Structure formats: structure tokens, C-alpha cells
Amino acid sequence: MKILGIAGSPRAGSTTEQLVKEVLANTECETEFISLAGKTISPCVACLGCVETNVCVLKDDMADLREKIVSADAYVIGAANFFAMLNGLAHCFMERWYQFRHREGRDVAGKLAVAIGVGGGDGDAPAKNIQTFFQYNQIECVDTVTAQGPACCFTCGYGESCKVGAIHLFYGPGTKITPKIIPSLEKQPEQVAAARAAGRKLSDRLKQFAQGT
């Protein structure tokens, strides 16, 4: 049984990526991890070019991912919280799964998955977006994991002075950026434990599927 992990954050090495990998590492299955950072994936353009074949006709990096998606038995998909919704790159990736839905297409339906959400405040919004996406594609979401990651305001250079940024919003005016306040998974043992538990749960469910139970 094979599990495909996808980190939809545009930032390489992100908390989203770390959390997806944590889930994968705690399964007892073959796994493959892919970061969408640096990839070019456009949104679905509703051209209906995929109706006859269930294969998207757009030519970008999504074409190289199609076979990996189809051949996987389960998914761990994570995204970042941008403006209280999942980030655009992850959304484009998911939109392009429309190619699997025509004429009762069954390339992904019936499979299992874990949803991962990460945000500067919390990851609930992108996690819920991913859960809804799974529902549309008839994929069973066996677990959801969320965590806090460092907003870009920590590294943009103006985080301490910007009155509308995450530093002021989450920590208050006058806050100085120090290693102590920068979110990381190492400071969130409960979320790490939840990710590990999700990996084991997904692995167990896949075993049940394989045994027909």
C-alpha cells in the first residue's frame, strides 16, 4: 500500500511540509513526499478538455503528478492558511482533480486520506477546505491535524513595526521578534503527537482495506 504526501505550501521546508512528513513517517506503508513549492500549477480553466479521458489537457507541473495521484492508495495533503483559507497553490492543485470526476471516474474515489492545516494563528481553515475537497472526491478523511507556523511577518523585515502584521495581531504592539516567540513544531508536542497518531491510524485503516474489512 502506498501513501502520497503533498505539502501545498509555496515555502520549501515549511511547517506544512514538516507536519506532512511526520504523518508519513509514522505509517507502516510505502510513502512518497512531494512539495509543491516552486512548481507551476495553474487553476482549472473549466475547458472540459478532460471529459472524455479523465486526463487534464493543461500542460504544467500537474501533468507529472497525475500518475502518482492515481497509483497511490491514500493521501496526506497539507496546506497553509492564507487569509482564512488554504493557500492558492494548494487550491490550484486541488482544482485540477476535476479531471478525475467525469462519467463516474473512479481513479481517486474510495481512497483514504489525512488533512493537514497550518496557520500563523491556527490551521483550522485550510484543514476544513481540504476535508471538503476530499468529500467532493469521495475520499475518506480518516484524521485531521493542525498546527501553528511562523507567518511571513517574522522574516519580512518589518514585522516589529508593521501595525497590521501578524506580530502585532498575535503578540501585541511593541513585541520584539525573538527565537522564543517564533512558532515551530518543536514547541508543539501535542500537534506532533497528533501527526504521529494520524499516521498510525491511516496505516491501520489501509491494512483493514487490504483485508477487506
N, C-alpha and C. Protein backbone atom coordinates (compact mmCIF):
# COMPACT_ATOMS: atom_id res chain seq x y z
N MET A 1 0.85 -1.19 0.00
CA MET A 1 0.00 0.00 0.00
C MET A 1 0.89 1.24 0.00
N LYS A 2 0.53 2.22 -0.81
CA LYS A 2 1.36 3.41 -0.96
C LYS A 2 0.60 4.66 -0.57
N ILE A 3 1.28 5.55 0.18
CA ILE A 3 0.69 6.81 0.60
C ILE A 3 1.46 7.95 -0.04
N LEU A 4 0.75 8.87 -0.66
CA LEU A 4 1.35 10.05 -1.28
C LEU A 4 1.14 11.26 -0.39
N GLY A 5 2.23 11.89 0.01
CA GLY A 5 2.16 13.10 0.82
C GLY A 5 2.41 14.33 -0.02
N ILE A 6 1.55 15.32 0.13
CA ILE A 6 1.67 16.56 -0.64
C ILE A 6 1.67 17.75 0.31
N ALA A 7 2.72 18.56 0.26
CA ALA A 7 2.76 19.82 1.00
C ALA A 7 2.43 20.94 0.02
N GLY A 8 1.29 21.59 0.22
CA GLY A 8 0.84 22.60 -0.72
C GLY A 8 1.38 23.99 -0.46
N SER A 9 2.14 24.17 0.60
CA SER A 9 2.69 25.49 0.90
C SER A 9 3.71 25.90 -0.17
N PRO A 10 3.74 27.18 -0.54
CA PRO A 10 4.74 27.65 -1.51
C PRO A 10 6.13 27.82 -0.90
N ARG A 11 6.25 27.59 0.39
CA ARG A 11 7.54 27.77 1.08
C ARG A 11 8.18 26.41 1.33
N ALA A 12 9.34 26.18 0.73
CA ALA A 12 10.07 24.93 0.93
C ALA A 12 10.52 24.84 2.39
N GLY A 13 10.42 23.65 2.97
CA GLY A 13 10.83 23.45 4.34
C GLY A 13 9.86 24.02 5.36
N SER A 14 8.64 24.29 4.94
CA SER A 14 7.63 24.91 5.79
C SER A 14 7.16 23.98 6.89
N THR A 15 6.42 24.54 7.84
CA THR A 15 5.80 23.73 8.89
C THR A 15 4.82 22.74 8.27
N THR A 16 4.14 23.17 7.21
CA THR A 16 3.23 22.26 6.49
C THR A 16 3.98 21.03 6.02
N GLU A 17 5.13 21.25 5.41
CA GLU A 17 5.95 20.14 4.91
C GLU A 17 6.38 19.24 6.05
N GLN A 18 6.83 19.83 7.15
CA GLN A 18 7.29 19.04 8.30
C GLN A 18 6.17 18.18 8.87
N LEU A 19 4.97 18.75 8.91
CA LEU A 19 3.85 18.02 9.50
C LEU A 19 3.40 16.87 8.61
N VAL A 20 3.38 17.10 7.31
CA VAL A 20 3.04 16.03 6.36
C VAL A 20 4.06 14.89 6.49
N LYS A 21 5.33 15.23 6.56
CA LYS A 21 6.37 14.21 6.69
C LYS A 21 6.25 13.45 8.00
N GLU A 22 5.83 14.13 9.06
CA GLU A 22 5.66 13.47 10.36
C GLU A 22 4.58 12.40 10.28
N VAL A 23 3.49 12.72 9.59
CA VAL A 23 2.44 11.72 9.42
C VAL A 23 2.96 10.54 8.61
N LEU A 24 3.62 10.82 7.49
CA LEU A 24 4.13 9.75 6.63
C LEU A 24 5.11 8.84 7.37
N ALA A 25 5.95 9.45 8.19
CA ALA A 25 6.99 8.68 8.89
C ALA A 25 6.41 7.70 9.89
N ASN A 26 5.16 7.91 10.29
CA ASN A 26 4.57 7.05 11.31
C ASN A 26 3.55 6.08 10.74
N THR A 27 3.61 5.86 9.43
CA THR A 27 2.82 4.79 8.82
C THR A 27 3.72 3.58 8.62
N GLU A 28 3.12 2.48 8.32
CA GLU A 28 3.89 1.26 8.03
C GLU A 28 3.72 0.90 6.56
N CYS A 29 3.69 1.93 5.73
CA CYS A 29 3.44 1.75 4.30
C CYS A 29 4.55 2.40 3.49
N GLU A 30 4.58 2.08 2.23
CA GLU A 30 5.46 2.79 1.30
C GLU A 30 4.93 4.21 1.16
N THR A 31 5.83 5.19 1.21
CA THR A 31 5.40 6.57 1.12
C THR A 31 6.22 7.34 0.09
N GLU A 32 5.63 8.39 -0.42
CA GLU A 32 6.34 9.34 -1.28
C GLU A 32 5.90 10.74 -0.90
N PHE A 33 6.86 11.64 -0.78
CA PHE A 33 6.57 13.02 -0.42
C PHE A 33 6.87 13.96 -1.58
N ILE A 34 5.96 14.90 -1.81
CA ILE A 34 6.16 15.91 -2.85
C ILE A 34 5.80 17.28 -2.29
N SER A 35 6.70 18.23 -2.44
CA SER A 35 6.41 19.62 -2.10
C SER A 35 6.00 20.35 -3.38
N LEU A 36 4.94 21.14 -3.28
CA LEU A 36 4.52 21.94 -4.44
C LEU A 36 5.30 23.24 -4.56
N ALA A 37 6.15 23.53 -3.58
CA ALA A 37 6.96 24.75 -3.63
C ALA A 37 7.80 24.79 -4.90
N GLY A 38 7.71 25.88 -5.64
CA GLY A 38 8.48 26.03 -6.86
C GLY A 38 7.83 25.43 -8.09
N LYS A 39 6.71 24.73 -7.93
CA LYS A 39 6.04 24.12 -9.08
C LYS A 39 5.05 25.11 -9.69
N THR A 40 4.80 24.92 -10.97
CA THR A 40 3.83 25.74 -11.69
C THR A 40 2.57 24.92 -11.92
N ILE A 41 1.51 25.27 -11.21
CA ILE A 41 0.23 24.59 -11.33
C ILE A 41 -0.85 25.64 -11.45
N SER A 42 -1.44 25.74 -12.61
CA SER A 42 -2.47 26.76 -12.83
C SER A 42 -3.81 26.26 -12.33
N PRO A 43 -4.77 27.16 -12.13
CA PRO A 43 -6.10 26.72 -11.74
C PRO A 43 -6.81 26.02 -12.88
N CYS A 44 -7.85 25.26 -12.55
CA CYS A 44 -8.71 24.68 -13.57
C CYS A 44 -9.34 25.83 -14.37
N VAL A 45 -9.37 25.72 -15.69
CA VAL A 45 -9.94 26.77 -16.53
C VAL A 45 -11.31 26.37 -17.08
N ALA A 46 -11.86 25.28 -16.57
CA ALA A 46 -13.21 24.83 -16.95
C ALA A 46 -13.36 24.65 -18.46
N CYS A 47 -12.32 24.13 -19.10
CA CYS A 47 -12.36 23.94 -20.56
C CYS A 47 -13.08 22.65 -20.95
N LEU A 48 -13.25 21.73 -19.98
CA LEU A 48 -13.88 20.42 -20.19
C LEU A 48 -13.10 19.52 -21.14
N GLY A 49 -11.83 19.84 -21.31
CA GLY A 49 -11.00 19.01 -22.16
C GLY A 49 -10.71 17.64 -21.58
N CYS A 50 -11.04 17.44 -20.32
CA CYS A 50 -10.77 16.16 -19.65
C CYS A 50 -11.99 15.24 -19.61
N VAL A 51 -13.12 15.67 -20.18
CA VAL A 51 -14.36 14.92 -20.03
C VAL A 51 -14.27 13.50 -20.60
N GLU A 52 -13.70 13.35 -21.78
CA GLU A 52 -13.68 12.05 -22.44
C GLU A 52 -12.66 11.09 -21.86
N THR A 53 -11.54 11.63 -21.35
CA THR A 53 -10.43 10.77 -20.94
C THR A 53 -10.13 10.81 -19.44
N ASN A 54 -10.72 11.75 -18.71
CA ASN A 54 -10.36 11.98 -17.31
C ASN A 54 -8.89 12.33 -17.16
N VAL A 55 -8.33 12.98 -18.16
CA VAL A 55 -6.95 13.45 -18.13
C VAL A 55 -6.94 14.93 -18.48
N CYS A 56 -6.39 15.76 -17.58
CA CYS A 56 -6.34 17.20 -17.81
C CYS A 56 -5.45 17.52 -19.01
N VAL A 57 -5.90 18.46 -19.84
CA VAL A 57 -5.17 18.80 -21.06
C VAL A 57 -4.19 19.96 -20.85
N LEU A 58 -4.24 20.61 -19.69
CA LEU A 58 -3.31 21.71 -19.43
C LEU A 58 -1.90 21.16 -19.24
N LYS A 59 -0.94 21.90 -19.74
CA LYS A 59 0.45 21.45 -19.70
C LYS A 59 1.25 22.26 -18.69
N ASP A 60 1.39 21.71 -17.50
CA ASP A 60 2.25 22.30 -16.48
C ASP A 60 2.69 21.18 -15.54
N ASP A 61 3.16 21.53 -14.36
CA ASP A 61 3.72 20.51 -13.48
C ASP A 61 2.69 19.52 -12.94
N MET A 62 1.43 19.84 -13.06
CA MET A 62 0.39 18.92 -12.59
C MET A 62 0.39 17.64 -13.42
N ALA A 63 0.76 17.75 -14.69
CA ALA A 63 0.76 16.57 -15.56
C ALA A 63 1.69 15.49 -15.02
N ASP A 64 2.82 15.90 -14.43
CA ASP A 64 3.78 14.93 -13.90
C ASP A 64 3.30 14.28 -12.61
N LEU A 65 2.32 14.91 -11.95
CA LEU A 65 1.83 14.38 -10.69
C LEU A 65 0.66 13.43 -10.86
N ARG A 66 0.03 13.43 -12.03
CA ARG A 66 -1.21 12.68 -12.21
C ARG A 66 -1.05 11.18 -11.91
N GLU A 67 -0.05 10.55 -12.46
CA GLU A 67 0.12 9.12 -12.26
C GLU A 67 0.42 8.79 -10.81
N LYS A 68 1.15 9.67 -10.11
CA LYS A 68 1.43 9.46 -8.70
C LYS A 68 0.13 9.50 -7.87
N ILE A 69 -0.75 10.42 -8.24
CA ILE A 69 -2.03 10.54 -7.56
C ILE A 69 -2.88 9.29 -7.78
N VAL A 70 -2.95 8.85 -9.02
CA VAL A 70 -3.79 7.71 -9.37
C VAL A 70 -3.26 6.42 -8.74
N SER A 71 -1.95 6.24 -8.70
CA SER A 71 -1.38 4.99 -8.21
C SER A 71 -1.34 4.90 -6.68
N ALA A 72 -1.51 6.00 -5.99
CA ALA A 72 -1.47 5.97 -4.53
C ALA A 72 -2.76 5.38 -3.96
N ASP A 73 -2.64 4.75 -2.81
CA ASP A 73 -3.80 4.18 -2.12
C ASP A 73 -4.37 5.15 -1.10
N ALA A 74 -3.57 6.13 -0.70
CA ALA A 74 -4.02 7.10 0.29
C ALA A 74 -3.19 8.38 0.14
N TYR A 75 -3.69 9.45 0.77
CA TYR A 75 -3.04 10.76 0.63
C TYR A 75 -2.90 11.44 1.99
N VAL A 76 -1.83 12.20 2.13
CA VAL A 76 -1.69 13.14 3.23
C VAL A 76 -1.44 14.49 2.58
N ILE A 77 -2.43 15.36 2.64
CA ILE A 77 -2.34 16.64 1.93
C ILE A 77 -2.41 17.78 2.94
N GLY A 78 -1.42 18.68 2.85
CA GLY A 78 -1.36 19.81 3.76
C GLY A 78 -1.34 21.13 3.01
N ALA A 79 -1.86 22.16 3.66
CA ALA A 79 -1.87 23.50 3.08
C ALA A 79 -1.72 24.52 4.19
N ALA A 80 -1.35 25.73 3.78
CA ALA A 80 -1.16 26.83 4.72
C ALA A 80 -2.37 27.76 4.72
N ASN A 81 -2.56 28.45 5.82
CA ASN A 81 -3.66 29.39 5.98
C ASN A 81 -3.27 30.75 5.40
N PHE A 82 -3.87 31.09 4.26
CA PHE A 82 -3.69 32.42 3.66
C PHE A 82 -5.06 33.10 3.69
N PHE A 83 -5.20 34.14 4.48
CA PHE A 83 -6.46 34.90 4.54
C PHE A 83 -7.66 34.01 4.89
N ALA A 84 -7.47 33.16 5.89
CA ALA A 84 -8.54 32.30 6.41
C ALA A 84 -9.03 31.30 5.37
N MET A 85 -8.17 30.88 4.48
CA MET A 85 -8.46 29.81 3.53
C MET A 85 -7.13 29.18 3.13
N LEU A 86 -7.20 28.04 2.44
CA LEU A 86 -5.95 27.40 2.05
C LEU A 86 -5.23 28.24 0.99
N ASN A 87 -3.91 28.15 0.95
CA ASN A 87 -3.11 28.96 0.03
C ASN A 87 -3.41 28.62 -1.43
N GLY A 88 -3.16 29.57 -2.31
CA GLY A 88 -3.55 29.46 -3.72
C GLY A 88 -2.94 28.29 -4.46
N LEU A 89 -1.66 27.99 -4.22
CA LEU A 89 -1.01 26.89 -4.93
C LEU A 89 -1.67 25.56 -4.59
N ALA A 90 -1.98 25.37 -3.31
CA ALA A 90 -2.68 24.14 -2.90
C ALA A 90 -4.07 24.09 -3.51
N HIS A 91 -4.74 25.24 -3.57
CA HIS A 91 -6.09 25.28 -4.14
C HIS A 91 -6.06 24.92 -5.62
N CYS A 92 -5.08 25.47 -6.35
CA CYS A 92 -4.96 25.14 -7.78
C CYS A 92 -4.72 23.65 -7.97
N PHE A 93 -3.85 23.08 -7.13
CA PHE A 93 -3.58 21.65 -7.19
C PHE A 93 -4.87 20.85 -7.02
N MET A 94 -5.69 21.24 -6.07
CA MET A 94 -6.93 20.52 -5.82
C MET A 94 -7.96 20.73 -6.92
N GLU A 95 -8.04 21.95 -7.43
CA GLU A 95 -8.98 22.21 -8.54
C GLU A 95 -8.73 21.28 -9.71
N ARG A 96 -7.48 20.99 -9.95
CA ARG A 96 -7.13 20.18 -11.11
C ARG A 96 -7.50 18.71 -10.95
N TRP A 97 -7.97 18.32 -9.77
CA TRP A 97 -8.50 16.96 -9.58
C TRP A 97 -9.87 16.82 -10.25
N TYR A 98 -10.38 17.91 -10.78
CA TYR A 98 -11.64 17.83 -11.53
C TYR A 98 -11.54 16.81 -12.65
N GLN A 99 -10.33 16.60 -13.15
CA GLN A 99 -10.12 15.64 -14.23
C GLN A 99 -10.51 14.21 -13.86
N PHE A 100 -10.63 13.92 -12.57
CA PHE A 100 -10.96 12.55 -12.14
C PHE A 100 -12.46 12.31 -11.97
N ARG A 101 -13.29 13.32 -12.19
CA ARG A 101 -14.68 13.24 -11.76
C ARG A 101 -15.68 12.89 -12.87
N HIS A 102 -15.25 12.82 -14.11
CA HIS A 102 -16.21 12.68 -15.22
C HIS A 102 -16.68 11.24 -15.43
N ARG A 103 -17.95 11.12 -15.80
CA ARG A 103 -18.53 9.83 -16.17
C ARG A 103 -18.21 8.77 -15.11
N GLU A 104 -18.46 9.18 -13.84
CA GLU A 104 -18.24 8.29 -12.70
C GLU A 104 -16.79 7.80 -12.62
N GLY A 105 -15.88 8.70 -12.93
CA GLY A 105 -14.46 8.37 -12.81
C GLY A 105 -14.13 7.88 -11.42
N ARG A 106 -13.34 6.83 -11.33
CA ARG A 106 -13.06 6.20 -10.05
C ARG A 106 -11.58 6.14 -9.73
N ASP A 107 -10.79 7.03 -10.31
CA ASP A 107 -9.34 6.98 -10.10
C ASP A 107 -8.94 7.31 -8.67
N VAL A 108 -9.73 8.14 -7.98
CA VAL A 108 -9.37 8.52 -6.61
C VAL A 108 -10.48 8.20 -5.61
N ALA A 109 -11.70 8.01 -6.08
CA ALA A 109 -12.83 7.75 -5.18
C ALA A 109 -12.61 6.48 -4.37
N GLY A 110 -13.01 6.53 -3.10
CA GLY A 110 -12.90 5.36 -2.25
C GLY A 110 -11.57 5.22 -1.53
N LYS A 111 -10.64 6.14 -1.79
CA LYS A 111 -9.34 6.05 -1.13
C LYS A 111 -9.40 6.77 0.22
N LEU A 112 -8.30 6.72 0.97
CA LEU A 112 -8.23 7.28 2.32
C LEU A 112 -7.28 8.48 2.34
N ALA A 113 -7.42 9.31 3.38
CA ALA A 113 -6.57 10.49 3.43
C ALA A 113 -6.51 11.09 4.83
N VAL A 114 -5.50 11.93 5.02
CA VAL A 114 -5.36 12.76 6.21
C VAL A 114 -5.23 14.20 5.74
N ALA A 115 -5.93 15.12 6.40
CA ALA A 115 -5.87 16.54 6.07
C ALA A 115 -4.98 17.27 7.07
N ILE A 116 -4.10 18.13 6.53
CA ILE A 116 -3.16 18.89 7.35
C ILE A 116 -3.39 20.38 7.12
N GLY A 117 -3.52 21.14 8.20
CA GLY A 117 -3.67 22.58 8.09
C GLY A 117 -2.70 23.31 9.00
N VAL A 118 -2.04 24.35 8.48
CA VAL A 118 -1.08 25.12 9.26
C VAL A 118 -1.36 26.61 9.06
N GLY A 119 -1.30 27.38 10.14
CA GLY A 119 -1.53 28.81 10.01
C GLY A 119 -0.74 29.61 11.02
N GLY A 120 -0.59 30.91 10.75
CA GLY A 120 0.08 31.78 11.70
C GLY A 120 -0.65 31.84 13.02
N GLY A 121 -2.00 31.78 12.95
CA GLY A 121 -2.81 31.67 14.16
C GLY A 121 -3.14 30.23 14.42
N ASP A 122 -3.85 29.62 13.48
CA ASP A 122 -4.14 28.19 13.56
C ASP A 122 -4.38 27.67 12.14
N GLY A 123 -4.46 26.37 12.02
CA GLY A 123 -4.61 25.76 10.70
C GLY A 123 -5.98 25.21 10.42
N ASP A 124 -6.98 25.63 11.19
CA ASP A 124 -8.32 25.07 11.03
C ASP A 124 -8.91 25.33 9.65
N ALA A 125 -8.76 26.56 9.14
CA ALA A 125 -9.40 26.91 7.87
C ALA A 125 -8.91 26.06 6.71
N PRO A 126 -7.59 25.95 6.46
CA PRO A 126 -7.16 25.11 5.34
C PRO A 126 -7.48 23.64 5.56
N ALA A 127 -7.43 23.18 6.81
CA ALA A 127 -7.77 21.77 7.08
C ALA A 127 -9.21 21.49 6.69
N LYS A 128 -10.12 22.41 7.01
CA LYS A 128 -11.53 22.22 6.65
C LYS A 128 -11.72 22.28 5.14
N ASN A 129 -10.96 23.17 4.46
CA ASN A 129 -11.02 23.23 3.00
C ASN A 129 -10.62 21.90 2.39
N ILE A 130 -9.58 21.30 2.92
CA ILE A 130 -9.09 20.02 2.40
C ILE A 130 -10.10 18.91 2.69
N GLN A 131 -10.70 18.94 3.87
CA GLN A 131 -11.73 17.95 4.19
C GLN A 131 -12.88 18.02 3.19
N THR A 132 -13.31 19.23 2.86
CA THR A 132 -14.39 19.41 1.88
C THR A 132 -13.97 18.89 0.52
N PHE A 133 -12.74 19.15 0.14
CA PHE A 133 -12.19 18.65 -1.12
C PHE A 133 -12.23 17.13 -1.16
N PHE A 134 -11.86 16.49 -0.06
CA PHE A 134 -11.93 15.03 -0.01
C PHE A 134 -13.36 14.54 -0.20
N GLN A 135 -14.30 15.21 0.43
CA GLN A 135 -15.70 14.81 0.30
C GLN A 135 -16.16 14.87 -1.16
N TYR A 136 -15.80 15.92 -1.85
CA TYR A 136 -16.18 16.06 -3.25
C TYR A 136 -15.65 14.90 -4.09
N ASN A 137 -14.47 14.41 -3.71
CA ASN A 137 -13.84 13.35 -4.49
C ASN A 137 -14.08 11.96 -3.91
N GLN A 138 -15.02 11.86 -2.96
CA GLN A 138 -15.40 10.59 -2.35
C GLN A 138 -14.21 9.88 -1.72
N ILE A 139 -13.36 10.68 -1.09
CA ILE A 139 -12.19 10.19 -0.36
C ILE A 139 -12.49 10.27 1.13
N GLU A 140 -12.22 9.20 1.86
CA GLU A 140 -12.49 9.18 3.30
C GLU A 140 -11.35 9.84 4.07
N CYS A 141 -11.66 10.91 4.77
CA CYS A 141 -10.67 11.59 5.60
C CYS A 141 -10.66 10.92 6.97
N VAL A 142 -9.60 10.16 7.26
CA VAL A 142 -9.57 9.39 8.50
C VAL A 142 -9.08 10.21 9.69
N ASP A 143 -8.42 11.35 9.41
CA ASP A 143 -7.96 12.18 10.52
C ASP A 143 -7.55 13.55 9.99
N THR A 144 -7.49 14.51 10.90
CA THR A 144 -7.09 15.88 10.58
C THR A 144 -6.10 16.36 11.63
N VAL A 145 -5.04 17.02 11.18
CA VAL A 145 -4.03 17.55 12.09
C VAL A 145 -3.78 19.02 11.75
N THR A 146 -3.71 19.86 12.76
CA THR A 146 -3.41 21.27 12.55
C THR A 146 -2.27 21.71 13.46
N ALA A 147 -1.62 22.80 13.05
CA ALA A 147 -0.52 23.33 13.85
C ALA A 147 -0.32 24.81 13.51
N GLN A 148 0.49 25.46 14.32
CA GLN A 148 0.84 26.86 14.09
C GLN A 148 2.20 26.94 13.43
N GLY A 149 2.31 27.79 12.43
CA GLY A 149 3.58 28.00 11.75
C GLY A 149 3.95 29.47 11.79
N PRO A 150 5.20 29.81 11.47
CA PRO A 150 5.62 31.21 11.52
C PRO A 150 5.09 31.99 10.32
N ALA A 151 4.30 33.03 10.57
CA ALA A 151 3.83 33.90 9.50
C ALA A 151 5.03 34.58 8.83
N CYS A 152 4.84 34.99 7.59
CA CYS A 152 5.92 35.65 6.86
C CYS A 152 6.40 36.92 7.55
N CYS A 153 5.54 37.49 8.41
CA CYS A 153 5.90 38.71 9.13
C CYS A 153 7.14 38.52 10.01
N PHE A 154 7.43 37.30 10.37
CA PHE A 154 8.61 37.05 11.19
C PHE A 154 9.91 37.31 10.41
N THR A 155 9.86 37.20 9.10
CA THR A 155 11.08 37.30 8.28
C THR A 155 11.05 38.40 7.22
N CYS A 156 9.95 39.15 7.13
CA CYS A 156 9.85 40.17 6.06
C CYS A 156 10.74 41.37 6.32
N GLY A 157 11.14 41.58 7.57
CA GLY A 157 11.98 42.73 7.90
C GLY A 157 11.24 43.88 8.56
N TYR A 158 9.91 43.84 8.51
CA TYR A 158 9.11 44.93 9.07
C TYR A 158 8.11 44.42 10.13
N GLY A 159 8.27 43.18 10.55
CA GLY A 159 7.30 42.58 11.44
C GLY A 159 7.11 43.31 12.76
N GLU A 160 8.18 43.88 13.31
CA GLU A 160 8.07 44.55 14.60
C GLU A 160 7.36 45.90 14.50
N SER A 161 7.47 46.57 13.34
CA SER A 161 6.90 47.91 13.21
C SER A 161 5.56 47.95 12.48
N CYS A 162 5.25 46.92 11.69
CA CYS A 162 4.01 46.92 10.90
C CYS A 162 2.81 46.73 11.81
N LYS A 163 1.90 47.70 11.76
CA LYS A 163 0.75 47.68 12.68
C LYS A 163 -0.37 46.75 12.22
N VAL A 164 -0.28 46.23 11.01
CA VAL A 164 -1.33 45.33 10.53
C VAL A 164 -0.81 43.91 10.34
N GLY A 165 0.40 43.66 10.74
CA GLY A 165 1.01 42.35 10.55
C GLY A 165 0.71 41.37 11.67
N ALA A 166 1.20 40.15 11.48
CA ALA A 166 0.92 39.06 12.42
C ALA A 166 1.54 39.28 13.79
N ILE A 167 2.68 39.97 13.86
CA ILE A 167 3.33 40.17 15.15
C ILE A 167 2.44 41.02 16.06
N HIS A 168 1.95 42.13 15.52
CA HIS A 168 1.05 42.98 16.30
C HIS A 168 -0.27 42.26 16.59
N LEU A 169 -0.77 41.53 15.59
CA LEU A 169 -2.06 40.86 15.73
C LEU A 169 -2.03 39.78 16.80
N PHE A 170 -1.01 38.94 16.79
CA PHE A 170 -0.96 37.80 17.69
C PHE A 170 -0.27 38.08 19.02
N TYR A 171 0.69 39.03 19.03
CA TYR A 171 1.50 39.22 20.23
C TYR A 171 1.38 40.62 20.83
N GLY A 172 0.83 41.56 20.08
CA GLY A 172 0.63 42.90 20.60
C GLY A 172 1.69 43.89 20.16
N PRO A 173 1.36 45.20 20.17
CA PRO A 173 2.30 46.26 19.79
C PRO A 173 3.55 46.25 20.67
N GLY A 174 4.69 46.55 20.05
CA GLY A 174 5.94 46.62 20.79
C GLY A 174 6.65 45.30 20.96
N THR A 175 6.06 44.22 20.45
CA THR A 175 6.69 42.90 20.58
C THR A 175 7.95 42.82 19.73
N LYS A 176 9.00 42.31 20.31
CA LYS A 176 10.25 42.09 19.59
C LYS A 176 10.30 40.63 19.12
N ILE A 177 10.79 40.45 17.90
CA ILE A 177 10.91 39.10 17.35
C ILE A 177 12.14 38.42 17.94
N THR A 178 11.90 37.37 18.68
CA THR A 178 12.98 36.58 19.27
C THR A 178 12.72 35.11 18.96
N PRO A 179 13.75 34.30 19.02
CA PRO A 179 13.54 32.87 18.77
C PRO A 179 12.47 32.26 19.67
N LYS A 180 12.28 32.81 20.85
CA LYS A 180 11.32 32.26 21.80
C LYS A 180 9.89 32.33 21.30
N ILE A 181 9.54 33.38 20.52
CA ILE A 181 8.14 33.53 20.10
C ILE A 181 7.87 33.00 18.70
N ILE A 182 8.91 32.62 17.97
CA ILE A 182 8.71 32.12 16.62
C ILE A 182 8.15 30.70 16.68
N PRO A 183 6.95 30.47 16.12
CA PRO A 183 6.34 29.14 16.20
C PRO A 183 7.17 28.08 15.47
N SER A 184 7.19 26.90 16.02
CA SER A 184 7.84 25.75 15.38
C SER A 184 7.20 24.49 15.93
N LEU A 185 7.34 23.40 15.19
CA LEU A 185 6.76 22.14 15.66
C LEU A 185 7.40 21.66 16.96
N GLU A 186 8.67 21.98 17.15
CA GLU A 186 9.35 21.55 18.36
C GLU A 186 8.67 22.09 19.62
N LYS A 187 7.97 23.22 19.46
CA LYS A 187 7.28 23.84 20.59
C LYS A 187 5.83 23.37 20.70
N GLN A 188 5.43 22.44 19.85
CA GLN A 188 4.04 21.98 19.82
C GLN A 188 4.00 20.44 19.92
N PRO A 189 4.39 19.90 21.05
CA PRO A 189 4.44 18.44 21.19
C PRO A 189 3.08 17.77 20.99
N GLU A 190 2.00 18.45 21.33
CA GLU A 190 0.68 17.84 21.16
C GLU A 190 0.35 17.68 19.67
N GLN A 191 0.75 18.66 18.86
CA GLN A 191 0.49 18.57 17.42
C GLN A 191 1.36 17.49 16.78
N VAL A 192 2.60 17.38 17.24
CA VAL A 192 3.49 16.32 16.74
C VAL A 192 2.92 14.96 17.09
N ALA A 193 2.44 14.83 18.31
CA ALA A 193 1.83 13.57 18.73
C ALA A 193 0.59 13.25 17.91
N ALA A 194 -0.18 14.29 17.60
CA ALA A 194 -1.39 14.09 16.79
C ALA A 194 -1.02 13.64 15.38
N ALA A 195 0.05 14.20 14.83
CA ALA A 195 0.50 13.80 13.49
C ALA A 195 0.96 12.34 13.48
N ARG A 196 1.68 11.94 14.51
CA ARG A 196 2.14 10.56 14.59
C ARG A 196 0.96 9.61 14.75
N ALA A 197 -0.02 10.01 15.55
CA ALA A 197 -1.21 9.18 15.72
C ALA A 197 -1.99 9.08 14.42
N ALA A 198 -2.05 10.17 13.67
CA ALA A 198 -2.75 10.16 12.38
C ALA A 198 -2.08 9.20 11.40
N GLY A 199 -0.75 9.17 11.42
CA GLY A 199 -0.03 8.25 10.56
C GLY A 199 -0.35 6.81 10.88
N ARG A 200 -0.38 6.49 12.17
CA ARG A 200 -0.69 5.12 12.59
C ARG A 200 -2.14 4.77 12.24
N LYS A 201 -3.03 5.73 12.42
CA LYS A 201 -4.44 5.49 12.13
C LYS A 201 -4.65 5.24 10.64
N LEU A 202 -3.99 6.04 9.81
CA LEU A 202 -4.11 5.86 8.36
C LEU A 202 -3.55 4.51 7.95
N SER A 203 -2.43 4.13 8.52
CA SER A 203 -1.81 2.85 8.22
C SER A 203 -2.72 1.69 8.61
N ASP A 204 -3.33 1.78 9.79
CA ASP A 204 -4.25 0.73 10.25
C ASP A 204 -5.46 0.62 9.34
N ARG A 205 -6.00 1.74 8.91
CA ARG A 205 -7.17 1.73 8.04
C ARG A 205 -6.83 1.12 6.68
N LEU A 206 -5.64 1.40 6.19
CA LEU A 206 -5.22 0.81 4.92
C LEU A 206 -5.09 -0.70 5.04
N LYS A 207 -4.59 -1.17 6.17
CA LYS A 207 -4.48 -2.62 6.40
C LYS A 207 -5.88 -3.25 6.40
N GLN A 208 -6.84 -2.58 7.02
CA GLN A 208 -8.21 -3.08 7.04
C GLN A 208 -8.79 -3.15 5.63
N PHE A 209 -8.47 -2.12 4.85
CA PHE A 209 -8.92 -2.11 3.45
C PHE A 209 -8.35 -3.29 2.68
N ALA A 210 -7.05 -3.52 2.91
CA ALA A 210 -6.38 -4.61 2.18
C ALA A 210 -6.96 -5.97 2.56
N GLN A 211 -7.43 -6.07 3.80
CA GLN A 211 -8.01 -7.34 4.27
C GLN A 211 -9.50 -7.45 3.98
N GLY A 212 -10.04 -6.35 3.39
CA GLY A 212 -11.45 -6.36 3.04
C GLY A 212 -12.39 -6.20 4.21
N THR A 213 -11.89 -5.56 5.30
CA THR A 213 -12.74 -5.36 6.49
C THR A 213 -13.08 -3.90 6.67
